[in-house]
Amino acid sequence: MDLEIFDDTNSVPAEKIQLVKDVLEFSGKYLELPEDTEMSVTLMNNEQIHEINLKYRGVDKATDVISFARSEEHTSELQSHTCIS
């Protein structure tokens, strides 16, 4: 799995980021996701996730997690982007 973790808070310790990677890698193997699966996770504060909720979902509040699956323009492959506050 091609996995990227972004810490927009600049405050999450490296061992916690590694834990997120390990859990996602384990989950991907358990679910038998294709090896070429791409996933990105962005860790952010409540204000940022509130803005995303309002812009993309019309929800005027922060939530713990938002997950987006998106397809690339010229392929049928899905990518997932998850934001966690």
N, C-alpha and C. Protein backbone atom coordinates (compact mmCIF):
# COMPACT_ATOMS: atom_id res chain seq x y z
N MET A 1 0.85 -1.18 0.00
CA MET A 1 0.00 0.00 0.00
C MET A 1 0.89 1.23 0.00
N ASP A 2 0.51 2.21 -0.81
CA ASP A 2 1.19 3.50 -0.82
C ASP A 2 0.45 4.39 0.17
N LEU A 3 1.07 4.63 1.33
CA LEU A 3 0.42 5.31 2.43
C LEU A 3 1.19 6.57 2.80
N GLU A 4 0.47 7.68 2.89
CA GLU A 4 1.07 8.95 3.31
C GLU A 4 0.31 9.48 4.51
N ILE A 5 1.05 9.96 5.51
CA ILE A 5 0.47 10.57 6.69
C ILE A 5 0.96 12.01 6.74
N PHE A 6 0.02 12.96 6.85
CA PHE A 6 0.37 14.37 6.96
C PHE A 6 -0.09 14.87 8.32
N ASP A 7 0.81 15.50 9.05
CA ASP A 7 0.47 16.07 10.36
C ASP A 7 0.38 17.58 10.22
N ASP A 8 -0.82 18.07 9.93
CA ASP A 8 -1.02 19.51 9.79
C ASP A 8 -0.93 20.23 11.13
N THR A 9 -0.97 19.49 12.24
CA THR A 9 -0.88 20.11 13.56
C THR A 9 0.56 20.31 13.99
N ASN A 10 1.46 19.60 13.35
CA ASN A 10 2.88 19.61 13.72
C ASN A 10 3.08 19.31 15.21
N SER A 11 2.21 18.46 15.76
CA SER A 11 2.32 18.16 17.18
C SER A 11 2.19 16.68 17.52
N VAL A 12 1.96 15.84 16.54
CA VAL A 12 1.79 14.42 16.82
C VAL A 12 3.17 13.75 16.87
N PRO A 13 3.47 13.07 17.98
CA PRO A 13 4.78 12.41 18.10
C PRO A 13 4.98 11.34 17.03
N ALA A 14 6.21 11.17 16.63
CA ALA A 14 6.56 10.21 15.57
C ALA A 14 6.04 8.81 15.87
N GLU A 15 6.08 8.40 17.14
CA GLU A 15 5.62 7.05 17.46
C GLU A 15 4.11 6.90 17.26
N LYS A 16 3.35 7.97 17.44
CA LYS A 16 1.90 7.92 17.19
C LYS A 16 1.62 7.85 15.69
N ILE A 17 2.39 8.59 14.91
CA ILE A 17 2.24 8.53 13.45
C ILE A 17 2.58 7.13 12.95
N GLN A 18 3.62 6.55 13.51
CA GLN A 18 3.99 5.18 13.14
C GLN A 18 2.89 4.20 13.51
N LEU A 19 2.24 4.41 14.65
CA LEU A 19 1.13 3.55 15.07
C LEU A 19 -0.02 3.62 14.06
N VAL A 20 -0.34 4.83 13.59
CA VAL A 20 -1.39 4.98 12.57
C VAL A 20 -1.00 4.22 11.31
N LYS A 21 0.25 4.35 10.88
CA LYS A 21 0.72 3.62 9.69
C LYS A 21 0.61 2.12 9.89
N ASP A 22 1.04 1.64 11.05
CA ASP A 22 1.00 0.20 11.32
C ASP A 22 -0.43 -0.33 11.30
N VAL A 23 -1.36 0.41 11.91
CA VAL A 23 -2.76 -0.03 11.94
C VAL A 23 -3.34 -0.05 10.52
N LEU A 24 -3.04 0.96 9.73
CA LEU A 24 -3.57 1.00 8.36
C LEU A 24 -2.96 -0.09 7.49
N GLU A 25 -1.67 -0.34 7.66
CA GLU A 25 -1.02 -1.43 6.90
C GLU A 25 -1.64 -2.77 7.27
N PHE A 26 -1.83 -3.00 8.57
CA PHE A 26 -2.45 -4.24 9.03
C PHE A 26 -3.86 -4.38 8.46
N SER A 27 -4.62 -3.29 8.53
CA SER A 27 -6.00 -3.31 8.03
C SER A 27 -6.04 -3.60 6.54
N GLY A 28 -5.12 -2.98 5.80
CA GLY A 28 -5.07 -3.22 4.36
C GLY A 28 -4.78 -4.67 4.03
N LYS A 29 -3.87 -5.28 4.76
CA LYS A 29 -3.56 -6.70 4.55
C LYS A 29 -4.75 -7.57 4.95
N TYR A 30 -5.37 -7.26 6.08
CA TYR A 30 -6.52 -8.04 6.55
C TYR A 30 -7.66 -7.99 5.54
N LEU A 31 -7.89 -6.80 4.97
CA LEU A 31 -8.96 -6.63 3.98
C LEU A 31 -8.56 -7.08 2.58
N GLU A 32 -7.30 -7.49 2.46
CA GLU A 32 -6.75 -7.94 1.17
C GLU A 32 -6.88 -6.87 0.09
N LEU A 33 -6.53 -5.63 0.47
CA LEU A 33 -6.53 -4.55 -0.50
C LEU A 33 -5.41 -4.79 -1.50
N PRO A 34 -5.59 -4.37 -2.74
CA PRO A 34 -4.53 -4.52 -3.74
C PRO A 34 -3.25 -3.80 -3.30
N GLU A 35 -2.11 -4.34 -3.67
CA GLU A 35 -0.82 -3.74 -3.30
C GLU A 35 -0.69 -2.30 -3.79
N ASP A 36 -1.36 -1.97 -4.90
CA ASP A 36 -1.23 -0.61 -5.45
C ASP A 36 -2.26 0.37 -4.87
N THR A 37 -2.91 -0.01 -3.76
CA THR A 37 -3.85 0.89 -3.09
C THR A 37 -3.11 2.13 -2.59
N GLU A 38 -3.69 3.29 -2.82
CA GLU A 38 -3.12 4.56 -2.34
C GLU A 38 -4.03 5.14 -1.28
N MET A 39 -3.43 5.60 -0.19
CA MET A 39 -4.20 6.19 0.90
C MET A 39 -3.39 7.31 1.52
N SER A 40 -4.09 8.39 1.87
CA SER A 40 -3.43 9.46 2.61
C SER A 40 -4.29 9.83 3.80
N VAL A 41 -3.64 10.16 4.90
CA VAL A 41 -4.31 10.55 6.13
C VAL A 41 -3.73 11.89 6.55
N THR A 42 -4.61 12.84 6.85
CA THR A 42 -4.17 14.14 7.33
C THR A 42 -4.67 14.32 8.76
N LEU A 43 -3.75 14.56 9.67
CA LEU A 43 -4.09 14.85 11.06
C LEU A 43 -4.21 16.37 11.17
N MET A 44 -5.35 16.85 11.69
CA MET A 44 -5.59 18.28 11.73
C MET A 44 -6.37 18.67 12.98
N ASN A 45 -6.49 19.97 13.19
CA ASN A 45 -7.22 20.45 14.36
C ASN A 45 -8.72 20.59 14.03
N ASN A 46 -9.52 20.85 15.07
CA ASN A 46 -10.97 20.94 14.90
C ASN A 46 -11.38 22.07 13.95
N GLU A 47 -10.67 23.18 13.99
CA GLU A 47 -11.01 24.30 13.11
C GLU A 47 -10.87 23.89 11.64
N GLN A 48 -9.79 23.21 11.30
CA GLN A 48 -9.57 22.78 9.92
C GLN A 48 -10.63 21.77 9.47
N ILE A 49 -10.92 20.81 10.34
CA ILE A 49 -11.90 19.78 9.95
C ILE A 49 -13.31 20.37 9.87
N HIS A 50 -13.58 21.39 10.69
CA HIS A 50 -14.85 22.11 10.63
C HIS A 50 -14.99 22.76 9.25
N GLU A 51 -13.94 23.42 8.78
CA GLU A 51 -13.97 24.07 7.46
C GLU A 51 -14.23 23.06 6.34
N ILE A 52 -13.57 21.90 6.42
CA ILE A 52 -13.76 20.87 5.39
C ILE A 52 -15.18 20.32 5.43
N ASN A 53 -15.69 20.07 6.63
CA ASN A 53 -17.07 19.60 6.78
C ASN A 53 -18.04 20.58 6.14
N LEU A 54 -17.87 21.85 6.41
CA LEU A 54 -18.78 22.87 5.88
C LEU A 54 -18.67 22.95 4.36
N LYS A 55 -17.46 22.97 3.85
CA LYS A 55 -17.23 23.12 2.42
C LYS A 55 -17.73 21.92 1.61
N TYR A 56 -17.41 20.71 2.04
CA TYR A 56 -17.68 19.52 1.23
C TYR A 56 -18.94 18.76 1.63
N ARG A 57 -19.40 18.96 2.89
CA ARG A 57 -20.55 18.18 3.35
C ARG A 57 -21.71 19.04 3.80
N GLY A 58 -21.52 20.38 3.89
CA GLY A 58 -22.57 21.25 4.36
C GLY A 58 -22.87 21.07 5.84
N VAL A 59 -21.90 20.50 6.58
CA VAL A 59 -22.06 20.26 8.01
C VAL A 59 -21.28 21.33 8.76
N ASP A 60 -21.97 22.14 9.55
CA ASP A 60 -21.35 23.28 10.21
C ASP A 60 -20.83 22.92 11.60
N LYS A 61 -19.95 21.92 11.65
CA LYS A 61 -19.32 21.52 12.92
C LYS A 61 -18.13 20.63 12.62
N ALA A 62 -17.31 20.47 13.63
CA ALA A 62 -16.17 19.55 13.52
C ALA A 62 -16.65 18.13 13.82
N THR A 63 -16.00 17.16 13.21
CA THR A 63 -16.23 15.75 13.52
C THR A 63 -14.88 15.10 13.76
N ASP A 64 -14.88 13.89 14.27
CA ASP A 64 -13.63 13.21 14.56
C ASP A 64 -12.90 12.76 13.29
N VAL A 65 -13.65 12.29 12.31
CA VAL A 65 -13.06 11.73 11.09
C VAL A 65 -13.91 12.10 9.89
N ILE A 66 -13.25 12.41 8.79
CA ILE A 66 -13.92 12.55 7.49
C ILE A 66 -13.13 11.67 6.53
N SER A 67 -13.83 10.90 5.73
CA SER A 67 -13.16 10.04 4.77
C SER A 67 -13.73 10.29 3.39
N PHE A 68 -12.85 10.49 2.42
CA PHE A 68 -13.25 10.73 1.04
C PHE A 68 -12.66 9.64 0.16
N ALA A 69 -13.45 9.04 -0.67
CA ALA A 69 -12.96 8.16 -1.72
C ALA A 69 -13.09 8.95 -3.01
N ARG A 70 -12.05 8.97 -3.80
CA ARG A 70 -12.13 9.71 -5.05
C ARG A 70 -11.51 8.89 -6.17
N SER A 71 -12.04 9.06 -7.35
CA SER A 71 -11.48 8.35 -8.49
C SER A 71 -10.61 9.31 -9.27
N GLU A 72 -9.57 8.75 -9.85
CA GLU A 72 -8.70 9.57 -10.69
C GLU A 72 -9.42 9.88 -11.99
N GLU A 73 -9.03 10.95 -12.63
CA GLU A 73 -9.73 11.44 -13.81
C GLU A 73 -9.82 10.41 -14.94
N HIS A 74 -8.76 9.67 -15.20
CA HIS A 74 -8.74 8.78 -16.36
C HIS A 74 -8.70 7.30 -16.00
N THR A 75 -8.95 6.95 -14.75
CA THR A 75 -8.96 5.54 -14.37
C THR A 75 -10.15 5.26 -13.48
N SER A 76 -10.40 4.00 -13.26
CA SER A 76 -11.49 3.64 -12.36
C SER A 76 -10.97 3.32 -10.96
N GLU A 77 -9.68 3.51 -10.72
CA GLU A 77 -9.11 3.22 -9.41
C GLU A 77 -9.60 4.23 -8.39
N LEU A 78 -9.81 3.79 -7.17
CA LEU A 78 -10.23 4.68 -6.11
C LEU A 78 -9.08 5.01 -5.20
N GLN A 79 -9.06 6.23 -4.72
CA GLN A 79 -8.11 6.66 -3.72
C GLN A 79 -8.91 7.10 -2.52
N SER A 80 -8.34 6.98 -1.35
CA SER A 80 -9.03 7.41 -0.15
C SER A 80 -8.19 8.47 0.55
N HIS A 81 -8.85 9.50 1.04
CA HIS A 81 -8.19 10.53 1.83
C HIS A 81 -8.99 10.69 3.10
N THR A 82 -8.32 10.53 4.22
CA THR A 82 -8.98 10.62 5.51
C THR A 82 -8.40 11.76 6.31
N CYS A 83 -9.25 12.56 6.93
CA CYS A 83 -8.84 13.66 7.80
C CYS A 83 -9.27 13.31 9.21
N ILE A 84 -8.35 13.43 10.14
CA ILE A 84 -8.65 13.09 11.53
C ILE A 84 -8.32 14.27 12.41
N SER A 85 -9.26 14.64 13.28
CA SER A 85 -8.99 15.73 14.22
C SER A 85 -8.67 15.17 15.58
